[in-house]
């Protein structure tokens, strides 16, 4: 496995803000009548699959399972368009996210290229 950047060590304030944003959004989705938090978790998992982030896929899969999501729906997510187990609302949420991360995927660095911050190698 390729070693990744320790974002918390490099930018703890940014990670703090990210966690605050996550808590805020979770609260909003828990209050939503149209997009439940389980659907939001499926969307985060799908974006992680598209971005090929192993850490995030693992994290969001576990989170979805803890919310009562089934293993079948989690491993079927990569082919959600052809799977009958997703509702129309879930399909709409997944379709909205399916294309947006592709730009970031095109800009990903090669795995053997170190990241530099302030002139020092951090990975």
PDB file of N, CA and C in Angstrom:
ATOM      1  N   UNK A   1       0.839  -1.181   0.000  1.00  0.00           N
ATOM      2  CA  UNK A   1       0.000   0.000   0.000  1.00  0.00           C
ATOM      3  C   UNK A   1       0.881   1.241   0.000  1.00  0.00           C
ATOM      4  N   UNK A   2       0.493   2.206  -0.777  1.00  0.00           N
ATOM      5  CA  UNK A   2       1.235   3.452  -0.886  1.00  0.00           C
ATOM      6  C   UNK A   2       1.015   4.304   0.347  1.00  0.00           C
ATOM      7  N   UNK A   3       2.100   4.845   0.886  1.00  0.00           N
ATOM      8  CA  UNK A   3       1.992   5.737   2.036  1.00  0.00           C
ATOM      9  C   UNK A   3       1.343   7.043   1.600  1.00  0.00           C
ATOM     10  N   UNK A   4       0.439   7.546   2.418  1.00  0.00           N
ATOM     11  CA  UNK A   4      -0.289   8.775   2.100  1.00  0.00           C
ATOM     12  C   UNK A   4       0.081   9.892   3.065  1.00  0.00           C
ATOM     13  N   UNK A   5      -0.268  11.082   2.693  1.00  0.00           N
ATOM     14  CA  UNK A   5      -0.006  12.262   3.509  1.00  0.00           C
ATOM     15  C   UNK A   5      -0.821  12.199   4.798  1.00  0.00           C
ATOM     16  N   UNK A   6      -0.210  12.593   5.896  1.00  0.00           N
ATOM     17  CA  UNK A   6      -0.914  12.716   7.172  1.00  0.00           C
ATOM     18  C   UNK A   6      -1.450  14.141   7.246  1.00  0.00           C
ATOM     19  N   UNK A   7      -2.669  14.328   6.731  1.00  0.00           N
ATOM     20  CA  UNK A   7      -3.248  15.668   6.652  1.00  0.00           C
ATOM     21  C   UNK A   7      -3.411  16.308   8.031  1.00  0.00           C
ATOM     22  N   UNK A   8      -3.736  15.509   9.035  1.00  0.00           N
ATOM     23  CA  UNK A   8      -3.925  16.051  10.383  1.00  0.00           C
ATOM     24  C   UNK A   8      -2.625  16.632  10.924  1.00  0.00           C
ATOM     25  N   UNK A   9      -1.507  16.026  10.580  1.00  0.00           N
ATOM     26  CA  UNK A   9      -0.215  16.534  11.042  1.00  0.00           C
ATOM     27  C   UNK A   9       0.202  17.786  10.265  1.00  0.00           C
ATOM     28  N   UNK A  10      -0.102  17.820   8.987  1.00  0.00           N
ATOM     29  CA  UNK A  10       0.312  18.934   8.149  1.00  0.00           C
ATOM     30  C   UNK A  10      -0.582  20.156   8.352  1.00  0.00           C
ATOM     31  N   UNK A  11      -1.885  19.920   8.476  1.00  0.00           N
ATOM     32  CA  UNK A  11      -2.817  21.036   8.589  1.00  0.00           C
ATOM     33  C   UNK A  11      -3.949  20.697   9.560  1.00  0.00           C
ATOM     34  N   UNK A  12      -3.649  20.706  10.856  1.00  0.00           N
ATOM     35  CA  UNK A  12      -4.673  20.325  11.832  1.00  0.00           C
ATOM     36  C   UNK A  12      -5.904  21.233  11.810  1.00  0.00           C
ATOM     37  N   UNK A  13      -5.732  22.519  11.511  1.00  0.00           N
ATOM     38  CA  UNK A  13      -6.884  23.427  11.454  1.00  0.00           C
ATOM     39  C   UNK A  13      -7.818  23.058  10.304  1.00  0.00           C
ATOM     40  N   UNK A  14      -7.240  22.693   9.166  1.00  0.00           N
ATOM     41  CA  UNK A  14      -8.065  22.291   8.023  1.00  0.00           C
ATOM     42  C   UNK A  14      -8.863  21.034   8.354  1.00  0.00           C
ATOM     43  N   UNK A  15      -8.238  20.091   9.030  1.00  0.00           N
ATOM     44  CA  UNK A  15      -8.933  18.863   9.422  1.00  0.00           C
ATOM     45  C   UNK A  15     -10.036  19.183  10.425  1.00  0.00           C
ATOM     46  N   UNK A  16      -9.769  20.107  11.338  1.00  0.00           N
ATOM     47  CA  UNK A  16     -10.784  20.518  12.308  1.00  0.00           C
ATOM     48  C   UNK A  16     -12.001  21.097  11.591  1.00  0.00           C
ATOM     49  N   UNK A  17     -11.756  21.962  10.604  1.00  0.00           N
ATOM     50  CA  UNK A  17     -12.840  22.558   9.826  1.00  0.00           C
ATOM     51  C   UNK A  17     -13.600  21.480   9.061  1.00  0.00           C
ATOM     52  N   UNK A  18     -12.880  20.530   8.496  1.00  0.00           N
ATOM     53  CA  UNK A  18     -13.515  19.428   7.769  1.00  0.00           C
ATOM     54  C   UNK A  18     -14.431  18.618   8.681  1.00  0.00           C
ATOM     55  N   UNK A  19     -13.985  18.340   9.889  1.00  0.00           N
ATOM     56  CA  UNK A  19     -14.803  17.597  10.852  1.00  0.00           C
ATOM     57  C   UNK A  19     -16.032  18.414  11.282  1.00  0.00           C
ATOM     58  N   UNK A  20     -15.863  19.716  11.425  1.00  0.00           N
ATOM     59  CA  UNK A  20     -17.002  20.572  11.765  1.00  0.00           C
ATOM     60  C   UNK A  20     -18.021  20.586  10.631  1.00  0.00           C
ATOM     61  N   UNK A  21     -17.531  20.647   9.412  1.00  0.00           N
ATOM     62  CA  UNK A  21     -18.417  20.614   8.251  1.00  0.00           C
ATOM     63  C   UNK A  21     -19.165  19.281   8.196  1.00  0.00           C
ATOM     64  N   UNK A  22     -18.471  18.207   8.432  1.00  0.00           N
ATOM     65  CA  UNK A  22     -19.092  16.875   8.446  1.00  0.00           C
ATOM     66  C   UNK A  22     -20.197  16.808   9.501  1.00  0.00           C
ATOM     67  N   UNK A  23     -19.944  17.322  10.691  1.00  0.00           N
ATOM     68  CA  UNK A  23     -20.946  17.308  11.764  1.00  0.00           C
ATOM     69  C   UNK A  23     -22.161  18.156  11.377  1.00  0.00           C
ATOM     70  N   UNK A  24     -21.914  19.309  10.793  1.00  0.00           N
ATOM     71  CA  UNK A  24     -23.013  20.179  10.365  1.00  0.00           C
ATOM     72  C   UNK A  24     -23.863  19.487   9.300  1.00  0.00           C
ATOM     73  N   UNK A  25     -23.211  18.931   8.281  1.00  0.00           N
ATOM     74  CA  UNK A  25     -23.951  18.270   7.206  1.00  0.00           C
ATOM     75  C   UNK A  25     -24.703  17.046   7.714  1.00  0.00           C
ATOM     76  N   UNK A  26     -24.090  16.283   8.593  1.00  0.00           N
ATOM     77  CA  UNK A  26     -24.769  15.113   9.161  1.00  0.00           C
ATOM     78  C   UNK A  26     -26.056  15.555   9.861  1.00  0.00           C
ATOM     79  N   UNK A  27     -25.967  16.620  10.638  1.00  0.00           N
ATOM     80  CA  UNK A  27     -27.149  17.139  11.325  1.00  0.00           C
ATOM     81  C   UNK A  27     -28.228  17.552  10.321  1.00  0.00           C
ATOM     82  N   UNK A  28     -27.831  18.228   9.258  1.00  0.00           N
ATOM     83  CA  UNK A  28     -28.784  18.671   8.243  1.00  0.00           C
ATOM     84  C   UNK A  28     -29.478  17.481   7.572  1.00  0.00           C
ATOM     85  N   UNK A  29     -28.715  16.454   7.253  1.00  0.00           N
ATOM     86  CA  UNK A  29     -29.307  15.281   6.608  1.00  0.00           C
ATOM     87  C   UNK A  29     -30.166  14.478   7.584  1.00  0.00           C
ATOM     88  N   UNK A  30     -29.819  14.496   8.848  1.00  0.00           N
ATOM     89  CA  UNK A  30     -30.661  13.816   9.839  1.00  0.00           C
ATOM     90  C   UNK A  30     -32.013  14.501   9.963  1.00  0.00           C
ATOM     91  N   UNK A  31     -32.060  15.801   9.697  1.00  0.00           N
ATOM     92  CA  UNK A  31     -33.307  16.564   9.777  1.00  0.00           C
ATOM     93  C   UNK A  31     -34.094  16.548   8.466  1.00  0.00           C
ATOM     94  N   UNK A  32     -33.487  16.065   7.395  1.00  0.00           N
ATOM     95  CA  UNK A  32     -34.094  16.137   6.072  1.00  0.00           C
ATOM     96  C   UNK A  32     -35.199  15.103   5.887  1.00  0.00           C
ATOM     97  N   UNK A  33     -36.272  15.541   5.242  1.00  0.00           N
ATOM     98  CA  UNK A  33     -37.352  14.634   4.871  1.00  0.00           C
ATOM     99  C   UNK A  33     -37.145  14.070   3.466  1.00  0.00           C
ATOM    100  N   UNK A  34     -36.273  14.694   2.689  1.00  0.00           N
ATOM    101  CA  UNK A  34     -36.096  14.280   1.295  1.00  0.00           C
ATOM    102  C   UNK A  34     -34.850  13.440   1.056  1.00  0.00           C
ATOM    103  N   UNK A  35     -33.739  13.760   1.705  1.00  0.00           N
ATOM    104  CA  UNK A  35     -32.497  12.997   1.521  1.00  0.00           C
ATOM    105  C   UNK A  35     -32.002  12.549   2.897  1.00  0.00           C
ATOM    106  N   UNK A  36     -32.255  11.304   3.248  1.00  0.00           N
ATOM    107  CA  UNK A  36     -31.828  10.832   4.564  1.00  0.00           C
ATOM    108  C   UNK A  36     -30.311  10.660   4.651  1.00  0.00           C
ATOM    109  N   UNK A  37     -29.830  10.576   5.852  1.00  0.00           N
ATOM    110  CA  UNK A  37     -28.390  10.467   6.092  1.00  0.00           C
ATOM    111  C   UNK A  37     -27.809   9.198   5.460  1.00  0.00           C
ATOM    112  N   UNK A  38     -28.584   8.132   5.382  1.00  0.00           N
ATOM    113  CA  UNK A  38     -28.082   6.897   4.742  1.00  0.00           C
ATOM    114  C   UNK A  38     -27.802   7.124   3.264  1.00  0.00           C
ATOM    115  N   UNK A  39     -28.639   7.895   2.598  1.00  0.00           N
ATOM    116  CA  UNK A  39     -28.400   8.204   1.183  1.00  0.00           C
ATOM    117  C   UNK A  39     -27.161   9.061   1.042  1.00  0.00           C
ATOM    118  N   UNK A  40     -27.002  10.016   1.931  1.00  0.00           N
ATOM    119  CA  UNK A  40     -25.808  10.865   1.925  1.00  0.00           C
ATOM    120  C   UNK A  40     -24.547  10.011   2.096  1.00  0.00           C
ATOM    121  N   UNK A  41     -24.623   9.013   2.963  1.00  0.00           N
ATOM    122  CA  UNK A  41     -23.464   8.130   3.170  1.00  0.00           C
ATOM    123  C   UNK A  41     -23.172   7.310   1.916  1.00  0.00           C
ATOM    124  N   UNK A  42     -24.215   6.862   1.223  1.00  0.00           N
ATOM    125  CA  UNK A  42     -24.002   6.145  -0.040  1.00  0.00           C
ATOM    126  C   UNK A  42     -23.337   7.044  -1.071  1.00  0.00           C
ATOM    127  N   UNK A  43     -23.746   8.300  -1.116  1.00  0.00           N
ATOM    128  CA  UNK A  43     -23.138   9.249  -2.062  1.00  0.00           C
ATOM    129  C   UNK A  43     -21.659   9.448  -1.727  1.00  0.00           C
ATOM    130  N   UNK A  44     -21.340   9.604  -0.447  1.00  0.00           N
ATOM    131  CA  UNK A  44     -19.930   9.775  -0.052  1.00  0.00           C
ATOM    132  C   UNK A  44     -19.119   8.530  -0.420  1.00  0.00           C
ATOM    133  N   UNK A  45     -19.714   7.365  -0.243  1.00  0.00           N
ATOM    134  CA  UNK A  45     -19.030   6.127  -0.607  1.00  0.00           C
ATOM    135  C   UNK A  45     -18.815   6.063  -2.116  1.00  0.00           C
ATOM    136  N   UNK A  46     -19.812   6.438  -2.891  1.00  0.00           N
ATOM    137  CA  UNK A  46     -19.674   6.413  -4.352  1.00  0.00           C
ATOM    138  C   UNK A  46     -18.604   7.382  -4.826  1.00  0.00           C
ATOM    139  N   UNK A  47     -18.562   8.569  -4.263  1.00  0.00           N
ATOM    140  CA  UNK A  47     -17.518   9.536  -4.619  1.00  0.00           C
ATOM    141  C   UNK A  47     -16.145   8.972  -4.267  1.00  0.00           C
ATOM    142  N   UNK A  48     -16.035   8.289  -3.145  1.00  0.00           N
ATOM    143  CA  UNK A  48     -14.769   7.676  -2.741  1.00  0.00           C
ATOM    144  C   UNK A  48     -14.356   6.582  -3.722  1.00  0.00           C
ATOM    145  N   UNK A  49     -15.329   5.831  -4.228  1.00  0.00           N
ATOM    146  CA  UNK A  49     -15.029   4.811  -5.238  1.00  0.00           C
ATOM    147  C   UNK A  49     -14.501   5.458  -6.513  1.00  0.00           C
ATOM    148  N   UNK A  50     -15.159   6.518  -6.953  1.00  0.00           N
ATOM    149  CA  UNK A  50     -14.731   7.199  -8.172  1.00  0.00           C
ATOM    150  C   UNK A  50     -13.329   7.776  -8.001  1.00  0.00           C
ATOM    151  N   UNK A  51     -13.062   8.350  -6.831  1.00  0.00           N
ATOM    152  CA  UNK A  51     -11.746   8.921  -6.551  1.00  0.00           C
ATOM    153  C   UNK A  51     -10.702   7.867  -6.197  1.00  0.00           C
ATOM    154  N   UNK A  52     -11.140   6.631  -6.046  1.00  0.00           N
ATOM    155  CA  UNK A  52     -10.264   5.505  -5.729  1.00  0.00           C
ATOM    156  C   UNK A  52      -9.468   5.745  -4.446  1.00  0.00           C
ATOM    157  N   UNK A  53     -10.165   6.240  -3.427  1.00  0.00           N
ATOM    158  CA  UNK A  53      -9.540   6.479  -2.129  1.00  0.00           C
ATOM    159  C   UNK A  53      -9.852   5.302  -1.208  1.00  0.00           C
ATOM    160  N   UNK A  54      -8.894   4.428  -1.021  1.00  0.00           N
ATOM    161  CA  UNK A  54      -9.105   3.211  -0.220  1.00  0.00           C
ATOM    162  C   UNK A  54      -9.496   3.543   1.213  1.00  0.00           C
ATOM    163  N   UNK A  55      -8.850   4.526   1.809  1.00  0.00           N
ATOM    164  CA  UNK A  55      -9.165   4.917   3.180  1.00  0.00           C
ATOM    165  C   UNK A  55     -10.630   5.337   3.282  1.00  0.00           C
ATOM    166  N   UNK A  56     -11.072   6.195   2.359  1.00  0.00           N
ATOM    167  CA  UNK A  56     -12.449   6.708   2.398  1.00  0.00           C
ATOM    168  C   UNK A  56     -13.464   5.619   2.090  1.00  0.00           C
ATOM    169  N   UNK A  57     -13.164   4.735   1.157  1.00  0.00           N
ATOM    170  CA  UNK A  57     -14.064   3.622   0.849  1.00  0.00           C
ATOM    171  C   UNK A  57     -14.275   2.767   2.094  1.00  0.00           C
ATOM    172  N   UNK A  58     -13.194   2.460   2.780  1.00  0.00           N
ATOM    173  CA  UNK A  58     -13.286   1.673   4.008  1.00  0.00           C
ATOM    174  C   UNK A  58     -14.118   2.407   5.061  1.00  0.00           C
ATOM    175  N   UNK A  59     -13.826   3.669   5.269  1.00  0.00           N
ATOM    176  CA  UNK A  59     -14.517   4.463   6.283  1.00  0.00           C
ATOM    177  C   UNK A  59     -16.012   4.575   5.982  1.00  0.00           C
ATOM    178  N   UNK A  60     -16.357   4.945   4.743  1.00  0.00           N
ATOM    179  CA  UNK A  60     -17.763   5.156   4.410  1.00  0.00           C
ATOM    180  C   UNK A  60     -18.539   3.836   4.332  1.00  0.00           C
ATOM    181  N   UNK A  61     -17.873   2.758   3.968  1.00  0.00           N
ATOM    182  CA  UNK A  61     -18.540   1.447   3.995  1.00  0.00           C
ATOM    183  C   UNK A  61     -18.904   1.066   5.420  1.00  0.00           C
ATOM    184  N   UNK A  62     -17.978   1.246   6.328  1.00  0.00           N
ATOM    185  CA  UNK A  62     -18.242   0.938   7.743  1.00  0.00           C
ATOM    186  C   UNK A  62     -19.320   1.845   8.312  1.00  0.00           C
ATOM    187  N   UNK A  63     -19.259   3.133   7.970  1.00  0.00           N
ATOM    188  CA  UNK A  63     -20.288   4.062   8.442  1.00  0.00           C
ATOM    189  C   UNK A  63     -21.664   3.660   7.919  1.00  0.00           C
ATOM    190  N   UNK A  64     -21.746   3.299   6.637  1.00  0.00           N
ATOM    191  CA  UNK A  64     -23.026   2.904   6.048  1.00  0.00           C
ATOM    192  C   UNK A  64     -23.556   1.630   6.716  1.00  0.00           C
ATOM    193  N   UNK A  65     -22.693   0.676   6.960  1.00  0.00           N
ATOM    194  CA  UNK A  65     -23.109  -0.556   7.648  1.00  0.00           C
ATOM    195  C   UNK A  65     -23.637  -0.250   9.042  1.00  0.00           C
ATOM    196  N   UNK A  66     -22.972   0.662   9.737  1.00  0.00           N
ATOM    197  CA  UNK A  66     -23.406   0.997  11.098  1.00  0.00           C
ATOM    198  C   UNK A  66     -24.760   1.719  11.095  1.00  0.00           C
ATOM    199  N   UNK A  67     -25.135   2.303   9.962  1.00  0.00           N
ATOM    200  CA  UNK A  67     -26.428   2.981   9.835  1.00  0.00           C
ATOM    201  C   UNK A  67     -27.523   2.024   9.370  1.00  0.00           C
ATOM    202  N   UNK A  68     -27.169   0.761   9.197  1.00  0.00           N
ATOM    203  CA  UNK A  68     -28.161  -0.220   8.793  1.00  0.00           C
ATOM    204  C   UNK A  68     -28.169  -0.547   7.311  1.00  0.00           C
ATOM    205  N   UNK A  69     -27.222  -0.003   6.571  1.00  0.00           N
ATOM    206  CA  UNK A  69     -27.127  -0.309   5.155  1.00  0.00           C
ATOM    207  C   UNK A  69     -26.721  -1.772   4.987  1.00  0.00           C
ATOM    208  N   UNK A  70     -27.176  -2.410   3.920  1.00  0.00           N
ATOM    209  CA  UNK A  70     -26.839  -3.817   3.710  1.00  0.00           C
ATOM    210  C   UNK A  70     -25.542  -3.946   2.922  1.00  0.00           C
ATOM    211  N   UNK A  71     -24.861  -5.053   3.149  1.00  0.00           N
ATOM    212  CA  UNK A  71     -23.623  -5.323   2.417  1.00  0.00           C
ATOM    213  C   UNK A  71     -23.898  -5.395   0.918  1.00  0.00           C
ATOM    214  N   UNK A  72     -25.029  -5.978   0.540  1.00  0.00           N
ATOM    215  CA  UNK A  72     -25.370  -6.110  -0.873  1.00  0.00           C
ATOM    216  C   UNK A  72     -25.451  -4.740  -1.555  1.00  0.00           C
ATOM    217  N   UNK A  73     -26.067  -3.784  -0.893  1.00  0.00           N
ATOM    218  CA  UNK A  73     -26.189  -2.444  -1.481  1.00  0.00           C
ATOM    219  C   UNK A  73     -24.846  -1.719  -1.503  1.00  0.00           C
ATOM    220  N   UNK A  74     -23.992  -2.016  -0.558  1.00  0.00           N
ATOM    221  CA  UNK A  74     -22.674  -1.385  -0.536  1.00  0.00           C
ATOM    222  C   UNK A  74     -21.807  -1.924  -1.665  1.00  0.00           C
ATOM    223  N   UNK A  75     -21.728  -3.243  -1.810  1.00  0.00           N
ATOM    224  CA  UNK A  75     -20.858  -3.745  -2.879  1.00  0.00           C
ATOM    225  C   UNK A  75     -21.502  -3.609  -4.254  1.00  0.00           C
ATOM    226  N   UNK A  76     -22.798  -3.377  -4.320  1.00  0.00           N
ATOM    227  CA  UNK A  76     -23.444  -3.116  -5.599  1.00  0.00           C
ATOM    228  C   UNK A  76     -23.365  -1.669  -6.034  1.00  0.00           C
ATOM    229  N   UNK A  77     -22.872  -0.819  -5.177  1.00  0.00           N
ATOM    230  CA  UNK A  77     -22.866   0.619  -5.446  1.00  0.00           C
ATOM    231  C   UNK A  77     -22.042   0.994  -6.675  1.00  0.00           C
ATOM    232  N   UNK A  78     -20.993   0.267  -6.951  1.00  0.00           N
ATOM    233  CA  UNK A  78     -20.157   0.617  -8.102  1.00  0.00           C
ATOM    234  C   UNK A  78     -20.906   0.423  -9.428  1.00  0.00           C
ATOM    235  N   UNK A  79     -22.007  -0.342  -9.407  1.00  0.00           N
ATOM    236  CA  UNK A  79     -22.825  -0.563 -10.602  1.00  0.00           C
ATOM    237  C   UNK A  79     -24.274  -0.163 -10.320  1.00  0.00           C
ATOM    238  N   UNK A  80     -24.470   0.912  -9.584  1.00  0.00           N
ATOM    239  CA  UNK A  80     -25.798   1.297  -9.107  1.00  0.00           C
ATOM    240  C   UNK A  80     -26.822   1.466 -10.216  1.00  0.00           C
ATOM    241  N   UNK A  81     -26.397   1.895 -11.394  1.00  0.00           N
ATOM    242  CA  UNK A  81     -27.363   2.104 -12.489  1.00  0.00           C
ATOM    243  C   UNK A  81     -28.031   0.798 -12.922  1.00  0.00           C
ATOM    244  N   UNK A  82     -27.315  -0.301 -12.784  1.00  0.00           N
ATOM    245  CA  UNK A  82     -27.826  -1.598 -13.229  1.00  0.00           C
ATOM    246  C   UNK A  82     -28.360  -2.457 -12.099  1.00  0.00           C
ATOM    247  N   UNK A  83     -28.384  -1.934 -10.893  1.00  0.00           N
ATOM    248  CA  UNK A  83     -28.847  -2.698  -9.741  1.00  0.00           C
ATOM    249  C   UNK A  83     -30.259  -2.255  -9.375  1.00  0.00           C
ATOM    250  N   UNK A  84     -31.174  -3.196  -9.153  1.00  0.00           N
ATOM    251  CA  UNK A  84     -32.560  -2.836  -8.871  1.00  0.00           C
ATOM    252  C   UNK A  84     -32.823  -2.389  -7.434  1.00  0.00           C
ATOM    253  N   UNK A  85     -31.828  -2.408  -6.585  1.00  0.00           N
ATOM    254  CA  UNK A  85     -32.045  -2.206  -5.148  1.00  0.00           C
ATOM    255  C   UNK A  85     -32.005  -0.761  -4.673  1.00  0.00           C
ATOM    256  N   UNK A  86     -31.818   0.186  -5.586  1.00  0.00           N
ATOM    257  CA  UNK A  86     -31.752   1.596  -5.203  1.00  0.00           C
ATOM    258  C   UNK A  86     -33.032   2.310  -5.615  1.00  0.00           C
ATOM    259  N   UNK A  87     -33.533   3.166  -4.740  1.00  0.00           N
ATOM    260  CA  UNK A  87     -34.768   3.911  -5.012  1.00  0.00           C
ATOM    261  C   UNK A  87     -34.513   5.007  -6.045  1.00  0.00           C
ATOM    262  N   UNK A  88     -35.587   5.572  -6.557  1.00  0.00           N
ATOM    263  CA  UNK A  88     -35.460   6.688  -7.501  1.00  0.00           C
ATOM    264  C   UNK A  88     -34.746   7.872  -6.858  1.00  0.00           C
ATOM    265  N   UNK A  89     -35.042   8.146  -5.594  1.00  0.00           N
ATOM    266  CA  UNK A  89     -34.390   9.253  -4.891  1.00  0.00           C
ATOM    267  C   UNK A  89     -32.887   8.979  -4.730  1.00  0.00           C
ATOM    268  N   UNK A  90     -32.538   7.745  -4.405  1.00  0.00           N
ATOM    269  CA  UNK A  90     -31.121   7.393  -4.282  1.00  0.00           C
ATOM    270  C   UNK A  90     -30.425   7.496  -5.634  1.00  0.00           C
ATOM    271  N   UNK A  91     -31.092   7.043  -6.672  1.00  0.00           N
ATOM    272  CA  UNK A  91     -30.512   7.130  -8.016  1.00  0.00           C
ATOM    273  C   UNK A  91     -30.267   8.593  -8.422  1.00  0.00           C
ATOM    274  N   UNK A  92     -31.205   9.456  -8.069  1.00  0.00           N
ATOM    275  CA  UNK A  92     -31.039  10.877  -8.378  1.00  0.00           C
ATOM    276  C   UNK A  92     -29.833  11.450  -7.631  1.00  0.00           C
ATOM    277  N   UNK A  93     -29.688  11.090  -6.362  1.00  0.00           N
ATOM    278  CA  UNK A  93     -28.552  11.579  -5.567  1.00  0.00           C
ATOM    279  C   UNK A  93     -27.237  11.042  -6.123  1.00  0.00           C
ATOM    280  N   UNK A  94     -27.219   9.770  -6.486  1.00  0.00           N
ATOM    281  CA  UNK A  94     -25.998   9.166  -7.023  1.00  0.00           C
ATOM    282  C   UNK A  94     -25.657   9.734  -8.397  1.00  0.00           C
ATOM    283  N   UNK A  95     -26.657   9.959  -9.223  1.00  0.00           N
ATOM    284  CA  UNK A  95     -26.408  10.516 -10.561  1.00  0.00           C
ATOM    285  C   UNK A  95     -25.819  11.922 -10.462  1.00  0.00           C
ATOM    286  N   UNK A  96     -26.271  12.674  -9.496  1.00  0.00           N
ATOM    287  CA  UNK A  96     -25.764  14.032  -9.318  1.00  0.00           C
ATOM    288  C   UNK A  96     -24.310  14.068  -8.913  1.00  0.00           C
ATOM    289  N   UNK A  97     -23.834  13.037  -8.258  1.00  0.00           N
ATOM    290  CA  UNK A  97     -22.448  12.995  -7.790  1.00  0.00           C
ATOM    291  C   UNK A  97     -21.555  12.177  -8.703  1.00  0.00           C
ATOM    292  N   UNK A  98     -22.126  11.420  -9.579  1.00  0.00           N
ATOM    293  CA  UNK A  98     -21.317  10.477 -10.334  1.00  0.00           C
ATOM    294  C   UNK A  98     -20.285  11.135 -11.236  1.00  0.00           C
ATOM    295  N   UNK A  99     -20.581  12.288 -11.773  1.00  0.00           N
ATOM    296  CA  UNK A  99     -19.656  12.928 -12.703  1.00  0.00           C
ATOM    297  C   UNK A  99     -18.738  13.952 -12.056  1.00  0.00           C
ATOM    298  N   UNK A 100     -19.166  14.594 -10.987  1.00  0.00           N
ATOM    299  CA  UNK A 100     -18.408  15.719 -10.440  1.00  0.00           C
ATOM    300  C   UNK A 100     -16.999  15.397  -9.968  1.00  0.00           C
ATOM    301  N   UNK A 101     -16.709  14.237  -9.395  1.00  0.00           N
ATOM    302  CA  UNK A 101     -15.340  14.011  -8.931  1.00  0.00           C
ATOM    303  C   UNK A 101     -14.352  13.679 -10.038  1.00  0.00           C
ATOM    304  N   UNK A 102     -14.819  13.481 -11.250  1.00  0.00           N
ATOM    305  CA  UNK A 102     -13.919  13.042 -12.311  1.00  0.00           C
ATOM    306  C   UNK A 102     -12.795  14.030 -12.587  1.00  0.00           C
ATOM    307  N   UNK A 103     -13.069  15.314 -12.464  1.00  0.00           N
ATOM    308  CA  UNK A 103     -12.014  16.304 -12.700  1.00  0.00           C
ATOM    309  C   UNK A 103     -10.886  16.115 -11.701  1.00  0.00           C
ATOM    310  N   UNK A 104     -11.223  15.866 -10.447  1.00  0.00           N
ATOM    311  CA  UNK A 104     -10.168  15.678  -9.458  1.00  0.00           C
ATOM    312  C   UNK A 104      -9.388  14.410  -9.755  1.00  0.00           C
ATOM    313  N   UNK A 105     -10.051  13.420 -10.313  1.00  0.00           N
ATOM    314  CA  UNK A 105      -9.350  12.186 -10.653  1.00  0.00           C
ATOM    315  C   UNK A 105      -8.352  12.431 -11.776  1.00  0.00           C
ATOM    316  N   UNK A 106      -8.710  13.299 -12.725  1.00  0.00           N
ATOM    317  CA  UNK A 106      -7.799  13.608 -13.815  1.00  0.00           C
ATOM    318  C   UNK A 106      -6.567  14.359 -13.324  1.00  0.00           C
ATOM    319  N   UNK A 107      -6.720  15.085 -12.219  1.00  0.00           N
ATOM    320  CA  UNK A 107      -5.614  15.894 -11.701  1.00  0.00           C
ATOM    321  C   UNK A 107      -4.812  15.163 -10.630  1.00  0.00           C
ATOM    322  N   UNK A 108      -5.126  13.899 -10.358  1.00  0.00           N
ATOM    323  CA  UNK A 108      -4.399  13.169  -9.322  1.00  0.00           C
ATOM    324  C   UNK A 108      -2.937  13.019  -9.694  1.00  0.00           C
ATOM    325  N   UNK A 109      -2.100  13.074  -8.711  1.00  0.00           N
ATOM    326  CA  UNK A 109      -0.670  12.924  -8.943  1.00  0.00           C
ATOM    327  C   UNK A 109      -0.345  11.448  -9.146  1.00  0.00           C
ATOM    328  N   UNK A 110       0.707  11.139  -9.866  1.00  0.00           N
ATOM    329  CA  UNK A 110       1.157   9.754  -9.939  1.00  0.00           C
ATOM    330  C   UNK A 110       1.537   9.274  -8.540  1.00  0.00           C
ATOM    331  N   UNK A 111       1.335   8.013  -8.243  1.00  0.00           N
ATOM    332  CA  UNK A 111       1.550   7.523  -6.892  1.00  0.00           C
ATOM    333  C   UNK A 111       3.016   7.540  -6.464  1.00  0.00           C
ATOM    334  N   UNK A 112       3.946   7.612  -7.407  1.00  0.00           N
ATOM    335  CA  UNK A 112       5.357   7.609  -7.027  1.00  0.00           C
ATOM    336  C   UNK A 112       5.949   9.019  -6.942  1.00  0.00           C
ATOM    337  N   UNK A 113       5.128  10.044  -7.066  1.00  0.00           N
ATOM    338  CA  UNK A 113       5.599  11.421  -7.000  1.00  0.00           C
ATOM    339  C   UNK A 113       5.314  11.985  -5.612  1.00  0.00           C
ATOM    340  N   UNK A 114       6.338  12.439  -4.885  1.00  0.00           N
ATOM    341  CA  UNK A 114       6.096  12.979  -3.537  1.00  0.00           C
ATOM    342  C   UNK A 114       5.431  14.339  -3.598  1.00  0.00           C
ATOM    343  N   UNK A 115       4.663  14.654  -2.588  1.00  0.00           N
ATOM    344  CA  UNK A 115       4.074  15.976  -2.427  1.00  0.00           C
ATOM    345  C   UNK A 115       5.090  16.858  -1.722  1.00  0.00           C
ATOM    346  N   UNK A 116       5.158  18.113  -2.119  1.00  0.00           N
ATOM    347  CA  UNK A 116       6.051  19.058  -1.491  1.00  0.00           C
ATOM    348  C   UNK A 116       5.230  20.160  -0.835  1.00  0.00           C
ATOM    349  N   UNK A 117       5.575  20.500   0.386  1.00  0.00           N
ATOM    350  CA  UNK A 117       4.935  21.607   1.104  1.00  0.00           C
ATOM    351  C   UNK A 117       6.040  22.495   1.622  1.00  0.00           C
ATOM    352  N   UNK A 118       6.004  23.752   1.233  1.00  0.00           N
ATOM    353  CA  UNK A 118       7.028  24.715   1.661  1.00  0.00           C
ATOM    354  C   UNK A 118       8.429  24.189   1.378  1.00  0.00           C
ATOM    355  N   UNK A 119       8.600  23.560   0.235  1.00  0.00           N
ATOM    356  CA  UNK A 119       9.909  23.096  -0.183  1.00  0.00           C
ATOM    357  C   UNK A 119      10.412  21.828   0.500  1.00  0.00           C
ATOM    358  N   UNK A 120       9.573  21.196   1.332  1.00  0.00           N
ATOM    359  CA  UNK A 120      10.034  19.947   1.949  1.00  0.00           C
ATOM    360  C   UNK A 120       9.092  18.807   1.565  1.00  0.00           C
ATOM    361  N   UNK A 121       9.676  17.644   1.408  1.00  0.00           N
ATOM    362  CA  UNK A 121       8.933  16.462   1.035  1.00  0.00           C
ATOM    363  C   UNK A 121       8.082  16.006   2.224  1.00  0.00           C
ATOM    364  N   UNK A 122       6.763  15.854   1.997  1.00  0.00           N
ATOM    365  CA  UNK A 122       5.883  15.420   3.078  1.00  0.00           C
ATOM    366  C   UNK A 122       5.316  14.027   2.839  1.00  0.00           C
ATOM    367  N   UNK A 123       5.684  13.463   1.723  1.00  0.00           N
ATOM    368  CA  UNK A 123       5.224  12.099   1.421  1.00  0.00           C
ATOM    369  C   UNK A 123       6.286  11.375   0.667  1.00  0.00           C
TER     370      UNK A 123
END
